[in-house]
Amino acid sequence: MKLVLGRDDLAAAAVAAVRETGTEPERVAVKPVHKASRGFVNESRADLCEVAIVTVLQAVAHDKPVLLLPVTTLGRHQHQTLVTLGKLSVADVEGHSVGVRSWSQTTGVWMRGFLTEQYGVDLRKAQWTTYEDSHVDGAHDPAWVRRAPEGARLPADFLEGRLDFGIMGNELPSDDRIRTAVADARESAEQWSRDQGFVPVNHVVGVSGQAAAEHPAAVLAAYDALRSTLRAEAEPGPVPLHPVGFEALRGAFTKAAAYALEQGVIPRAVDYDELVDRSCAALGVPPARLGG
């Protein structure tokens, strides 16, 4: 089994658990880990792979053989990801230019959802620019979204003033001029999570349909090992950053799916129970086996 997980501790735990079932594991190192998503989703180049929550939703909507293993490998607040260089604020998004790496990037989907739901922004009244395709073959940007010229890069366009706003997570450059467009972004993000009861999940674990059919015991063992590792490090607080199990992930997936449909990221509604049923049927287990 080929495993792609960004964190060394999670990868080590999963590899050890898979090996104990009699299946030989191979950790495939890909940095940044999202670079593995395209090959995993479209060509099944990995058996178990860390993927973005929106990638899972797109894959299911486009009938790719991708299953959800309900483990959060990356959860984080997102309100701070909308940034600007000038005196603009979140109230000024309409009528201005905004760049995001990919229209399907999970950080962008969450932030645009906040813009519409919390701040009343009409997304079509902003000038959106993207720089990359989706990880899922067959997925396309909405017609009202512009693609940057070949060779252009979001951080450079933002820092050099060709964009009024940028939505950036890990790719955010270091520059003292940058500030968040949402006032008190950290406090706003924490309040949003308290109100919703969950954190905006970024990365979860996907499993190929073939791996589930050929190595169900190994997949379940990996789930158990990942769950144990994450629970051992959990910090006390009102909202866990790394929820594990179908029910623990229901809120985040349901909200992300609603945002993605509203934004034209997925071509049809994806109900969370569809993901649960697909995984359980492929692995031959009831939902309770995976925290359902």
C-alpha atoms as a PDB file:
ATOM      1  CA  MET A   1       0.000   0.000   0.000  1.00  0.00           C
ATOM      2  CA  LYS A   2       1.249   3.443  -0.906  1.00  0.00           C
ATOM      3  CA  LEU A   3       0.590   6.071   1.772  1.00  0.00           C
ATOM      4  CA  VAL A   4       0.938   9.852   1.407  1.00  0.00           C
ATOM      5  CA  LEU A   5       0.687  11.777   4.677  1.00  0.00           C
ATOM      6  CA  GLY A   6       2.333  15.114   5.352  1.00  0.00           C
ATOM      7  CA  ARG A   7       3.064  14.730   9.048  1.00  0.00           C
ATOM      8  CA  ASP A   8       5.871  12.368   9.991  1.00  0.00           C
ATOM      9  CA  ASP A   9       4.198  11.165  13.180  1.00  0.00           C
ATOM     10  CA  LEU A  10       0.949  10.323  11.435  1.00  0.00           C
ATOM     11  CA  ALA A  11       2.775   8.611   8.600  1.00  0.00           C
ATOM     12  CA  ALA A  12       4.853   6.523  11.009  1.00  0.00           C
ATOM     13  CA  ALA A  13       1.769   5.434  12.934  1.00  0.00           C
ATOM     14  CA  ALA A  14      -0.132   4.470   9.785  1.00  0.00           C
ATOM     15  CA  VAL A  15       2.830   2.608   8.277  1.00  0.00           C
ATOM     16  CA  ALA A  16       3.326   0.563  11.449  1.00  0.00           C
ATOM     17  CA  ALA A  17      -0.377  -0.276  11.687  1.00  0.00           C
ATOM     18  CA  VAL A  18      -0.636  -1.345   8.054  1.00  0.00           C
ATOM     19  CA  ARG A  19       2.432  -3.561   8.361  1.00  0.00           C
ATOM     20  CA  GLU A  20       0.913  -5.361  11.356  1.00  0.00           C
ATOM     21  CA  THR A  21      -1.998  -6.504   9.175  1.00  0.00           C
ATOM     22  CA  GLY A  22       0.386  -8.285   6.807  1.00  0.00           C
ATOM     23  CA  THR A  23       0.190  -5.652   4.074  1.00  0.00           C
ATOM     24  CA  GLU A  24       3.490  -4.061   3.097  1.00  0.00           C
ATOM     25  CA  PRO A  25       3.292  -0.255   3.332  1.00  0.00           C
ATOM     26  CA  GLU A  26       5.301   2.324   1.422  1.00  0.00           C
ATOM     27  CA  ARG A  27       5.323   5.942   2.483  1.00  0.00           C
ATOM     28  CA  VAL A  28       5.574   8.242  -0.524  1.00  0.00           C
ATOM     29  CA  ALA A  29       6.968  11.636   0.459  1.00  0.00           C
ATOM     30  CA  VAL A  30       5.371  14.550  -1.409  1.00  0.00           C
ATOM     31  CA  LYS A  31       5.978  18.151  -0.350  1.00  0.00           C
ATOM     32  CA  PRO A  32       3.809  20.119  -0.163  1.00  0.00           C
ATOM     33  CA  VAL A  33       1.408  17.254   0.364  1.00  0.00           C
ATOM     34  CA  HIS A  34      -1.363  18.760  -1.775  1.00  0.00           C
ATOM     35  CA  LYS A  35       0.808  18.073  -4.824  1.00  0.00           C
ATOM     36  CA  ALA A  36      -0.102  14.380  -4.467  1.00  0.00           C
ATOM     37  CA  SER A  37      -3.836  15.014  -4.818  1.00  0.00           C
ATOM     38  CA  ARG A  38      -4.092  15.105  -8.609  1.00  0.00           C
ATOM     39  CA  GLY A  39      -2.381  11.739  -9.092  1.00  0.00           C
ATOM     40  CA  PHE A  40      -4.334  10.165  -6.263  1.00  0.00           C
ATOM     41  CA  VAL A  41      -7.758  11.325  -7.413  1.00  0.00           C
ATOM     42  CA  ASN A  42      -7.405  10.850 -11.163  1.00  0.00           C
ATOM     43  CA  GLU A  43      -4.960   7.957 -11.475  1.00  0.00           C
ATOM     44  CA  SER A  44      -5.006   6.203  -8.051  1.00  0.00           C
ATOM     45  CA  ARG A  45      -1.246   6.679  -7.679  1.00  0.00           C
ATOM     46  CA  ALA A  46      -1.615   6.311  -3.903  1.00  0.00           C
ATOM     47  CA  ASP A  47      -3.818   4.015  -1.845  1.00  0.00           C
ATOM     48  CA  LEU A  48      -4.220   6.263   1.186  1.00  0.00           C
ATOM     49  CA  CYS A  49      -3.593   9.970   0.728  1.00  0.00           C
ATOM     50  CA  GLU A  50      -3.953  13.207   2.652  1.00  0.00           C
ATOM     51  CA  VAL A  51      -6.315  15.387   0.634  1.00  0.00           C
ATOM     52  CA  ALA A  52      -8.237  18.616   1.044  1.00  0.00           C
ATOM     53  CA  ILE A  53     -11.852  18.394   2.141  1.00  0.00           C
ATOM     54  CA  VAL A  54     -12.999  20.159  -1.052  1.00  0.00           C
ATOM     55  CA  THR A  55     -10.968  17.724  -3.172  1.00  0.00           C
ATOM     56  CA  VAL A  56     -12.963  14.878  -1.620  1.00  0.00           C
ATOM     57  CA  LEU A  57     -16.236  16.662  -2.396  1.00  0.00           C
ATOM     58  CA  GLN A  58     -15.185  17.372  -5.993  1.00  0.00           C
ATOM     59  CA  ALA A  59     -13.964  13.813  -6.500  1.00  0.00           C
ATOM     60  CA  VAL A  60     -17.279  12.355  -5.361  1.00  0.00           C
ATOM     61  CA  ALA A  61     -19.273  14.843  -7.439  1.00  0.00           C
ATOM     62  CA  HIS A  62     -17.237  13.833 -10.504  1.00  0.00           C
ATOM     63  CA  ASP A  63     -17.545  10.081  -9.812  1.00  0.00           C
ATOM     64  CA  LYS A  64     -13.908   9.451  -8.972  1.00  0.00           C
ATOM     65  CA  PRO A  65     -13.102   6.269  -6.968  1.00  0.00           C
ATOM     66  CA  VAL A  66     -12.223   8.216  -3.819  1.00  0.00           C
ATOM     67  CA  LEU A  67     -13.485   7.353  -0.349  1.00  0.00           C
ATOM     68  CA  LEU A  68     -13.381   9.374   2.850  1.00  0.00           C
ATOM     69  CA  LEU A  69     -11.474   8.049   5.849  1.00  0.00           C
ATOM     70  CA  PRO A  70     -12.776  10.451   8.526  1.00  0.00           C
ATOM     71  CA  VAL A  71      -9.527  11.725   9.999  1.00  0.00           C
ATOM     72  CA  THR A  72      -8.556  15.407  10.086  1.00  0.00           C
ATOM     73  CA  THR A  73      -4.855  15.881   9.384  1.00  0.00           C
ATOM     74  CA  LEU A  74      -5.113  19.674   9.177  1.00  0.00           C
ATOM     75  CA  GLY A  75      -7.713  21.898  10.762  1.00  0.00           C
ATOM     76  CA  ARG A  76      -7.212  25.631  11.187  1.00  0.00           C
ATOM     77  CA  HIS A  77      -9.023  28.923  11.393  1.00  0.00           C
ATOM     78  CA  GLN A  78      -9.380  30.763   8.081  1.00  0.00           C
ATOM     79  CA  HIS A  79     -10.606  34.334   8.574  1.00  0.00           C
ATOM     80  CA  GLN A  80      -7.028  35.628   8.546  1.00  0.00           C
ATOM     81  CA  THR A  81      -6.382  34.319   5.022  1.00  0.00           C
ATOM     82  CA  LEU A  82      -8.022  37.282   3.238  1.00  0.00           C
ATOM     83  CA  VAL A  83      -5.268  39.880   3.131  1.00  0.00           C
ATOM     84  CA  THR A  84      -4.629  43.317   1.653  1.00  0.00           C
ATOM     85  CA  LEU A  85      -1.801  45.840   1.437  1.00  0.00           C
ATOM     86  CA  GLY A  86      -3.804  49.025   1.628  1.00  0.00           C
ATOM     87  CA  LYS A  87      -6.591  50.503   3.684  1.00  0.00           C
ATOM     88  CA  LEU A  88      -9.262  48.253   2.224  1.00  0.00           C
ATOM     89  CA  SER A  89     -11.302  45.956   4.446  1.00  0.00           C
ATOM     90  CA  VAL A  90     -13.645  43.027   3.989  1.00  0.00           C
ATOM     91  CA  ALA A  91     -16.412  45.567   3.311  1.00  0.00           C
ATOM     92  CA  ASP A  92     -14.594  46.602   0.119  1.00  0.00           C
ATOM     93  CA  VAL A  93     -14.324  43.228  -1.620  1.00  0.00           C
ATOM     94  CA  GLU A  94     -17.138  43.989  -4.064  1.00  0.00           C
ATOM     95  CA  GLY A  95     -15.769  46.038  -6.942  1.00  0.00           C
ATOM     96  CA  HIS A  96     -12.158  45.046  -6.270  1.00  0.00           C
ATOM     97  CA  SER A  97      -9.794  42.318  -7.472  1.00  0.00           C
ATOM     98  CA  VAL A  98      -9.134  39.184  -5.443  1.00  0.00           C
ATOM     99  CA  GLY A  99      -6.622  36.447  -6.190  1.00  0.00           C
ATOM    100  CA  VAL A 100      -6.710  32.841  -4.996  1.00  0.00           C
ATOM    101  CA  ARG A 101      -4.400  29.988  -6.004  1.00  0.00           C
ATOM    102  CA  SER A 102      -7.217  27.775  -7.255  1.00  0.00           C
ATOM    103  CA  TRP A 103     -10.973  28.239  -7.260  1.00  0.00           C
ATOM    104  CA  SER A 104     -11.283  24.845  -5.569  1.00  0.00           C
ATOM    105  CA  GLN A 105      -8.586  25.513  -2.960  1.00  0.00           C
ATOM    106  CA  THR A 106     -10.180  24.680   0.370  1.00  0.00           C
ATOM    107  CA  THR A 107      -8.906  27.839   2.063  1.00  0.00           C
ATOM    108  CA  GLY A 108     -10.575  29.891  -0.662  1.00  0.00           C
ATOM    109  CA  VAL A 109     -13.862  27.993  -0.405  1.00  0.00           C
ATOM    110  CA  TRP A 110     -14.033  28.601   3.334  1.00  0.00           C
ATOM    111  CA  MET A 111     -13.091  32.278   3.066  1.00  0.00           C
ATOM    112  CA  ARG A 112     -15.557  32.975   0.244  1.00  0.00           C
ATOM    113  CA  GLY A 113     -18.224  31.234   2.301  1.00  0.00           C
ATOM    114  CA  PHE A 114     -17.535  33.590   5.181  1.00  0.00           C
ATOM    115  CA  LEU A 115     -17.701  36.545   2.791  1.00  0.00           C
ATOM    116  CA  THR A 116     -21.198  35.659   1.627  1.00  0.00           C
ATOM    117  CA  GLU A 117     -22.609  34.328   4.869  1.00  0.00           C
ATOM    118  CA  GLN A 118     -21.136  36.737   7.425  1.00  0.00           C
ATOM    119  CA  TYR A 119     -20.350  39.855   5.448  1.00  0.00           C
ATOM    120  CA  GLY A 120     -23.042  39.894   2.759  1.00  0.00           C
ATOM    121  CA  VAL A 121     -20.614  39.938  -0.164  1.00  0.00           C
ATOM    122  CA  ASP A 122     -21.923  39.134  -3.652  1.00  0.00           C
ATOM    123  CA  LEU A 123     -19.005  37.125  -5.029  1.00  0.00           C
ATOM    124  CA  ARG A 124     -19.897  37.983  -8.620  1.00  0.00           C
ATOM    125  CA  LYS A 125     -19.315  41.667  -7.883  1.00  0.00           C
ATOM    126  CA  ALA A 126     -15.611  41.086  -7.257  1.00  0.00           C
ATOM    127  CA  GLN A 127     -12.999  40.437  -9.943  1.00  0.00           C
ATOM    128  CA  TRP A 128     -11.611  36.974  -9.198  1.00  0.00           C
ATOM    129  CA  THR A 129      -8.313  35.634 -10.533  1.00  0.00           C
ATOM    130  CA  THR A 130      -7.077  32.045 -10.191  1.00  0.00           C
ATOM    131  CA  TYR A 131      -3.669  30.567 -10.971  1.00  0.00           C
ATOM    132  CA  GLU A 132      -4.111  26.789 -11.065  1.00  0.00           C
ATOM    133  CA  ASP A 133      -6.626  24.161 -12.131  1.00  0.00           C
ATOM    134  CA  SER A 134      -8.505  21.966  -9.726  1.00  0.00           C
ATOM    135  CA  HIS A 135      -6.929  18.670  -8.650  1.00  0.00           C
ATOM    136  CA  VAL A 136      -9.936  16.830 -10.093  1.00  0.00           C
ATOM    137  CA  ASP A 137     -10.156  16.238 -13.836  1.00  0.00           C
ATOM    138  CA  GLY A 138     -13.427  17.571 -15.214  1.00  0.00           C
ATOM    139  CA  ALA A 139     -13.764  20.395 -12.697  1.00  0.00           C
ATOM    140  CA  HIS A 140     -13.638  23.928 -14.096  1.00  0.00           C
ATOM    141  CA  ASP A 141     -13.762  27.488 -12.781  1.00  0.00           C
ATOM    142  CA  PRO A 142     -17.067  29.368 -13.132  1.00  0.00           C
ATOM    143  CA  ALA A 143     -17.356  31.492 -16.266  1.00  0.00           C
ATOM    144  CA  TRP A 144     -17.140  34.691 -14.203  1.00  0.00           C
ATOM    145  CA  VAL A 145     -13.684  33.817 -12.821  1.00  0.00           C
ATOM    146  CA  ARG A 146     -10.553  34.933 -14.697  1.00  0.00           C
ATOM    147  CA  ARG A 147      -7.418  32.803 -15.089  1.00  0.00           C
ATOM    148  CA  ALA A 148      -4.095  34.604 -14.658  1.00  0.00           C
ATOM    149  CA  PRO A 149      -1.649  34.584 -17.589  1.00  0.00           C
ATOM    150  CA  GLU A 150       0.694  31.629 -17.870  1.00  0.00           C
ATOM    151  CA  GLY A 151       3.651  32.053 -15.535  1.00  0.00           C
ATOM    152  CA  ALA A 152       1.939  34.549 -13.224  1.00  0.00           C
ATOM    153  CA  ARG A 153       2.126  33.896  -9.502  1.00  0.00           C
ATOM    154  CA  LEU A 154      -0.358  34.959  -6.840  1.00  0.00           C
ATOM    155  CA  PRO A 155       2.138  36.253  -4.210  1.00  0.00           C
ATOM    156  CA  ALA A 156       3.950  38.393  -6.793  1.00  0.00           C
ATOM    157  CA  ASP A 157       0.756  39.817  -8.279  1.00  0.00           C
ATOM    158  CA  PHE A 158      -0.456  40.666  -4.807  1.00  0.00           C
ATOM    159  CA  LEU A 159       2.761  42.263  -3.546  1.00  0.00           C
ATOM    160  CA  GLU A 160       3.235  44.243  -6.768  1.00  0.00           C
ATOM    161  CA  GLY A 161      -0.245  45.752  -6.593  1.00  0.00           C
ATOM    162  CA  ARG A 162      -2.000  43.929  -9.424  1.00  0.00           C
ATOM    163  CA  LEU A 163      -4.512  42.553  -6.917  1.00  0.00           C
ATOM    164  CA  ASP A 164      -6.381  44.411  -4.188  1.00  0.00           C
ATOM    165  CA  PHE A 165      -6.871  41.299  -2.063  1.00  0.00           C
ATOM    166  CA  GLY A 166      -5.395  37.827  -1.861  1.00  0.00           C
ATOM    167  CA  ILE A 167      -6.626  34.651  -0.207  1.00  0.00           C
ATOM    168  CA  MET A 168      -3.518  32.830   0.952  1.00  0.00           C
ATOM    169  CA  GLY A 169      -2.737  30.210   3.536  1.00  0.00           C
ATOM    170  CA  ASN A 170       0.675  28.557   3.487  1.00  0.00           C
ATOM    171  CA  GLU A 171       1.724  30.561   0.416  1.00  0.00           C
ATOM    172  CA  LEU A 172       1.356  33.907   2.217  1.00  0.00           C
ATOM    173  CA  PRO A 173       4.608  35.832   1.710  1.00  0.00           C
ATOM    174  CA  SER A 174       6.432  37.564   4.537  1.00  0.00           C
ATOM    175  CA  ASP A 175       5.971  41.301   4.164  1.00  0.00           C
ATOM    176  CA  ASP A 176       5.330  43.905   6.854  1.00  0.00           C
ATOM    177  CA  ARG A 177       2.803  45.688   4.623  1.00  0.00           C
ATOM    178  CA  ILE A 178       0.367  42.762   4.658  1.00  0.00           C
ATOM    179  CA  ARG A 179      -2.613  42.909   6.957  1.00  0.00           C
ATOM    180  CA  THR A 180      -5.819  40.953   7.331  1.00  0.00           C
ATOM    181  CA  ALA A 181      -8.923  42.367   5.673  1.00  0.00           C
ATOM    182  CA  VAL A 182     -11.155  41.053   8.464  1.00  0.00           C
ATOM    183  CA  ALA A 183     -10.798  43.143  11.604  1.00  0.00           C
ATOM    184  CA  ASP A 184      -9.801  41.066  14.630  1.00  0.00           C
ATOM    185  CA  ALA A 185      -9.512  38.045  12.357  1.00  0.00           C
ATOM    186  CA  ARG A 186      -8.361  35.653  15.069  1.00  0.00           C
ATOM    187  CA  GLU A 187     -11.210  36.544  17.398  1.00  0.00           C
ATOM    188  CA  SER A 188     -13.720  36.407  14.524  1.00  0.00           C
ATOM    189  CA  ALA A 189     -12.477  32.977  13.513  1.00  0.00           C
ATOM    190  CA  GLU A 190     -12.623  31.591  17.028  1.00  0.00           C
ATOM    191  CA  GLN A 191     -16.126  32.972  17.521  1.00  0.00           C
ATOM    192  CA  TRP A 192     -17.275  31.442  14.223  1.00  0.00           C
ATOM    193  CA  SER A 193     -16.017  28.022  15.324  1.00  0.00           C
ATOM    194  CA  ARG A 194     -17.664  28.319  18.713  1.00  0.00           C
ATOM    195  CA  ASP A 195     -20.950  29.270  17.058  1.00  0.00           C
ATOM    196  CA  GLN A 196     -20.749  26.466  14.497  1.00  0.00           C
ATOM    197  CA  GLY A 197     -19.327  23.844  16.838  1.00  0.00           C
ATOM    198  CA  PHE A 198     -16.463  22.887  14.528  1.00  0.00           C
ATOM    199  CA  VAL A 199     -13.280  24.245  13.029  1.00  0.00           C
ATOM    200  CA  PRO A 200     -12.940  24.816   9.246  1.00  0.00           C
ATOM    201  CA  VAL A 201     -11.269  21.533   8.266  1.00  0.00           C
ATOM    202  CA  ASN A 202      -8.621  21.696   5.544  1.00  0.00           C
ATOM    203  CA  HIS A 203      -7.138  18.224   5.102  1.00  0.00           C
ATOM    204  CA  VAL A 204      -8.577  14.770   5.711  1.00  0.00           C
ATOM    205  CA  VAL A 205      -7.608  11.287   4.495  1.00  0.00           C
ATOM    206  CA  GLY A 206      -8.778   9.738   1.251  1.00  0.00           C
ATOM    207  CA  VAL A 207      -8.666   6.079   0.273  1.00  0.00           C
ATOM    208  CA  SER A 208      -8.810   4.681  -3.249  1.00  0.00           C
ATOM    209  CA  GLY A 209     -11.669   2.351  -4.047  1.00  0.00           C
ATOM    210  CA  GLN A 210      -9.190  -0.326  -5.091  1.00  0.00           C
ATOM    211  CA  ALA A 211      -7.296  -0.145  -1.796  1.00  0.00           C
ATOM    212  CA  ALA A 212     -10.539  -0.455   0.167  1.00  0.00           C
ATOM    213  CA  ALA A 213     -11.454  -3.562  -1.819  1.00  0.00           C
ATOM    214  CA  GLU A 214      -8.021  -5.213  -1.613  1.00  0.00           C
ATOM    215  CA  HIS A 215      -6.806  -4.109   1.850  1.00  0.00           C
ATOM    216  CA  PRO A 216      -9.816  -3.281   4.056  1.00  0.00           C
ATOM    217  CA  ALA A 217      -8.128  -4.511   7.233  1.00  0.00           C
ATOM    218  CA  ALA A 218      -5.073  -2.373   6.541  1.00  0.00           C
ATOM    219  CA  VAL A 219      -7.206   0.713   5.873  1.00  0.00           C
ATOM    220  CA  LEU A 220      -9.098   0.224   9.130  1.00  0.00           C
ATOM    221  CA  ALA A 221      -5.852  -0.315  11.022  1.00  0.00           C
ATOM    222  CA  ALA A 222      -4.495   2.928   9.590  1.00  0.00           C
ATOM    223  CA  TYR A 223      -7.641   4.728  10.733  1.00  0.00           C
ATOM    224  CA  ASP A 224      -7.245   3.379  14.260  1.00  0.00           C
ATOM    225  CA  ALA A 225      -3.586   4.413  14.399  1.00  0.00           C
ATOM    226  CA  LEU A 226      -4.260   7.915  13.094  1.00  0.00           C
ATOM    227  CA  ARG A 227      -7.136   8.367  15.528  1.00  0.00           C
ATOM    228  CA  SER A 228      -4.996   7.291  18.469  1.00  0.00           C
ATOM    229  CA  THR A 229      -2.135   9.588  17.498  1.00  0.00           C
ATOM    230  CA  LEU A 230      -4.367  12.629  17.110  1.00  0.00           C
ATOM    231  CA  ARG A 231      -6.305  11.981  20.298  1.00  0.00           C
ATOM    232  CA  ALA A 232      -3.080  11.656  22.273  1.00  0.00           C
ATOM    233  CA  GLU A 233      -2.055  15.181  21.294  1.00  0.00           C
ATOM    234  CA  ALA A 234      -5.475  16.831  21.547  1.00  0.00           C
ATOM    235  CA  GLU A 235      -5.492  20.083  23.492  1.00  0.00           C
ATOM    236  CA  PRO A 236      -8.448  20.993  25.685  1.00  0.00           C
ATOM    237  CA  GLY A 237     -10.785  23.530  24.190  1.00  0.00           C
ATOM    238  CA  PRO A 238     -14.350  24.088  23.021  1.00  0.00           C
ATOM    239  CA  VAL A 239     -13.663  23.059  19.397  1.00  0.00           C
ATOM    240  CA  PRO A 240     -11.120  20.352  18.433  1.00  0.00           C
ATOM    241  CA  LEU A 241      -8.687  21.207  15.623  1.00  0.00           C
ATOM    242  CA  HIS A 242      -8.425  17.579  14.468  1.00  0.00           C
ATOM    243  CA  PRO A 243     -11.844  15.928  14.673  1.00  0.00           C
ATOM    244  CA  VAL A 244     -11.893  12.196  13.934  1.00  0.00           C
ATOM    245  CA  GLY A 245     -14.877  10.013  13.026  1.00  0.00           C
ATOM    246  CA  PHE A 246     -17.862  10.450  10.759  1.00  0.00           C
ATOM    247  CA  GLU A 247     -20.009  12.334  13.252  1.00  0.00           C
ATOM    248  CA  ALA A 248     -17.167  14.611  14.335  1.00  0.00           C
ATOM    249  CA  LEU A 249     -16.647  15.661  10.704  1.00  0.00           C
ATOM    250  CA  ARG A 250     -20.306  16.019   9.744  1.00  0.00           C
ATOM    251  CA  GLY A 251     -20.569  19.741  10.484  1.00  0.00           C
ATOM    252  CA  ALA A 252     -17.442  20.754   8.599  1.00  0.00           C
ATOM    253  CA  PHE A 253     -18.237  18.624   5.542  1.00  0.00           C
ATOM    254  CA  THR A 254     -21.849  19.756   5.395  1.00  0.00           C
ATOM    255  CA  LYS A 255     -20.902  23.426   5.570  1.00  0.00           C
ATOM    256  CA  ALA A 256     -18.034  23.068   3.082  1.00  0.00           C
ATOM    257  CA  ALA A 257     -20.318  21.229   0.650  1.00  0.00           C
ATOM    258  CA  ALA A 258     -22.910  24.015   0.865  1.00  0.00           C
ATOM    259  CA  TYR A 259     -20.263  26.666   0.239  1.00  0.00           C
ATOM    260  CA  ALA A 260     -18.762  24.678  -2.641  1.00  0.00           C
ATOM    261  CA  LEU A 261     -22.121  24.245  -4.365  1.00  0.00           C
ATOM    262  CA  GLU A 262     -22.973  27.931  -3.946  1.00  0.00           C
ATOM    263  CA  GLN A 263     -19.616  28.923  -5.450  1.00  0.00           C
ATOM    264  CA  GLY A 264     -19.758  26.567  -8.444  1.00  0.00           C
ATOM    265  CA  VAL A 265     -16.915  24.421  -7.117  1.00  0.00           C
ATOM    266  CA  ILE A 266     -18.974  21.224  -7.366  1.00  0.00           C
ATOM    267  CA  PRO A 267     -21.533  20.520 -10.113  1.00  0.00           C
ATOM    268  CA  ARG A 268     -24.115  18.918  -7.817  1.00  0.00           C
ATOM    269  CA  ALA A 269     -25.011  18.768  -4.156  1.00  0.00           C
ATOM    270  CA  VAL A 270     -23.037  16.182  -2.174  1.00  0.00           C
ATOM    271  CA  ASP A 271     -24.819  14.979   0.945  1.00  0.00           C
ATOM    272  CA  TYR A 272     -22.506  13.926   3.742  1.00  0.00           C
ATOM    273  CA  ASP A 273     -24.316  10.626   4.233  1.00  0.00           C
ATOM    274  CA  GLU A 274     -23.371   9.759   0.652  1.00  0.00           C
ATOM    275  CA  LEU A 275     -19.709   9.898   1.710  1.00  0.00           C
ATOM    276  CA  VAL A 276     -20.418   7.812   4.810  1.00  0.00           C
ATOM    277  CA  ASP A 277     -22.338   5.180   2.861  1.00  0.00           C
ATOM    278  CA  ARG A 278     -19.660   4.915   0.151  1.00  0.00           C
ATOM    279  CA  SER A 279     -16.859   4.348   2.650  1.00  0.00           C
ATOM    280  CA  CYS A 280     -18.778   1.876   4.781  1.00  0.00           C
ATOM    281  CA  ALA A 281     -19.958  -0.151   1.804  1.00  0.00           C
ATOM    282  CA  ALA A 282     -16.447  -0.341   0.339  1.00  0.00           C
ATOM    283  CA  LEU A 283     -14.857  -1.362   3.637  1.00  0.00           C
ATOM    284  CA  GLY A 284     -17.698  -3.642   4.713  1.00  0.00           C
ATOM    285  CA  VAL A 285     -18.269  -1.969   8.079  1.00  0.00           C
ATOM    286  CA  PRO A 286     -21.112  -0.119   9.816  1.00  0.00           C
ATOM    287  CA  PRO A 287     -20.731   3.643  10.361  1.00  0.00           C
ATOM    288  CA  ALA A 288     -20.045   3.074  14.061  1.00  0.00           C
ATOM    289  CA  ARG A 289     -16.731   1.400  13.176  1.00  0.00           C
ATOM    290  CA  LEU A 290     -15.521   4.759  11.866  1.00  0.00           C
ATOM    291  CA  GLY A 291     -17.025   7.033  14.485  1.00  0.00           C
ATOM    292  CA  GLY A 292     -20.490   7.223  12.943  1.00  0.00           C
END
